[in-house]
């Protein structure tokens, strides 16, 4: 099984990094994350989450 294969998990772990973003939510996702690959996200993409 390679690193890009589906592993049955569709959850991400939320981690507070302590970065001051002036009340704006910032989402950091690795470019090899299954969500980035499936949705075609690029650098500085705007996403809606909740």
C-alpha atoms as a PDB file:
ATOM      1  CA  UNK A   1       0.000   0.000   0.000  1.00  0.00           C
ATOM      2  CA  UNK A   2       1.503   3.372  -0.972  1.00  0.00           C
ATOM      3  CA  UNK A   3       1.094   6.711   0.842  1.00  0.00           C
ATOM      4  CA  UNK A   4      -1.540   8.010  -1.588  1.00  0.00           C
ATOM      5  CA  UNK A   5      -3.945   5.092  -1.226  1.00  0.00           C
ATOM      6  CA  UNK A   6      -7.257   5.464   0.589  1.00  0.00           C
ATOM      7  CA  UNK A   7      -7.046   4.233   4.166  1.00  0.00           C
ATOM      8  CA  UNK A   8     -10.744   4.405   5.085  1.00  0.00           C
ATOM      9  CA  UNK A   9     -10.405   7.510   7.261  1.00  0.00           C
ATOM     10  CA  UNK A  10     -12.047  10.767   6.257  1.00  0.00           C
ATOM     11  CA  UNK A  11     -11.292  12.837   9.348  1.00  0.00           C
ATOM     12  CA  UNK A  12      -8.721  15.530   9.961  1.00  0.00           C
ATOM     13  CA  UNK A  13      -7.219  16.360  13.344  1.00  0.00           C
ATOM     14  CA  UNK A  14      -7.656  19.944  14.552  1.00  0.00           C
ATOM     15  CA  UNK A  15      -4.546  21.366  16.222  1.00  0.00           C
ATOM     16  CA  UNK A  16      -4.188  24.892  17.615  1.00  0.00           C
ATOM     17  CA  UNK A  17      -0.810  26.230  16.509  1.00  0.00           C
ATOM     18  CA  UNK A  18      -0.892  29.459  18.520  1.00  0.00           C
ATOM     19  CA  UNK A  19      -0.487  31.667  15.448  1.00  0.00           C
ATOM     20  CA  UNK A  20      -2.111  35.112  15.838  1.00  0.00           C
ATOM     21  CA  UNK A  21      -4.315  35.661  12.773  1.00  0.00           C
ATOM     22  CA  UNK A  22      -6.279  38.697  14.005  1.00  0.00           C
ATOM     23  CA  UNK A  23      -9.610  36.873  14.506  1.00  0.00           C
ATOM     24  CA  UNK A  24      -9.460  35.168  11.078  1.00  0.00           C
ATOM     25  CA  UNK A  25      -9.544  31.384  10.818  1.00  0.00           C
ATOM     26  CA  UNK A  26      -6.616  29.891   8.914  1.00  0.00           C
ATOM     27  CA  UNK A  27      -6.514  26.283   7.746  1.00  0.00           C
ATOM     28  CA  UNK A  28      -3.145  24.652   7.059  1.00  0.00           C
ATOM     29  CA  UNK A  29      -3.337  21.416   5.061  1.00  0.00           C
ATOM     30  CA  UNK A  30      -0.448  19.507   3.509  1.00  0.00           C
ATOM     31  CA  UNK A  31      -0.511  19.465  -0.287  1.00  0.00           C
ATOM     32  CA  UNK A  32      -0.468  15.645  -0.275  1.00  0.00           C
ATOM     33  CA  UNK A  33      -3.578  15.460   1.953  1.00  0.00           C
ATOM     34  CA  UNK A  34      -6.459  13.474   0.420  1.00  0.00           C
ATOM     35  CA  UNK A  35      -8.726  16.539   0.644  1.00  0.00           C
ATOM     36  CA  UNK A  36      -6.325  18.750  -1.331  1.00  0.00           C
ATOM     37  CA  UNK A  37      -5.885  16.060  -3.954  1.00  0.00           C
ATOM     38  CA  UNK A  38      -9.604  15.282  -4.353  1.00  0.00           C
ATOM     39  CA  UNK A  39     -10.776  18.924  -4.313  1.00  0.00           C
ATOM     40  CA  UNK A  40      -7.896  20.319  -6.370  1.00  0.00           C
ATOM     41  CA  UNK A  41      -6.903  22.956  -3.814  1.00  0.00           C
ATOM     42  CA  UNK A  42      -4.006  25.206  -4.727  1.00  0.00           C
ATOM     43  CA  UNK A  43      -1.832  27.637  -2.764  1.00  0.00           C
ATOM     44  CA  UNK A  44      -3.864  30.151  -0.727  1.00  0.00           C
ATOM     45  CA  UNK A  45      -7.215  28.647  -1.723  1.00  0.00           C
ATOM     46  CA  UNK A  46     -10.231  29.967   0.178  1.00  0.00           C
ATOM     47  CA  UNK A  47     -12.309  27.215   1.742  1.00  0.00           C
ATOM     48  CA  UNK A  48     -15.425  27.157   3.905  1.00  0.00           C
ATOM     49  CA  UNK A  49     -15.425  24.907   6.949  1.00  0.00           C
ATOM     50  CA  UNK A  50     -17.516  24.690  10.039  1.00  0.00           C
END
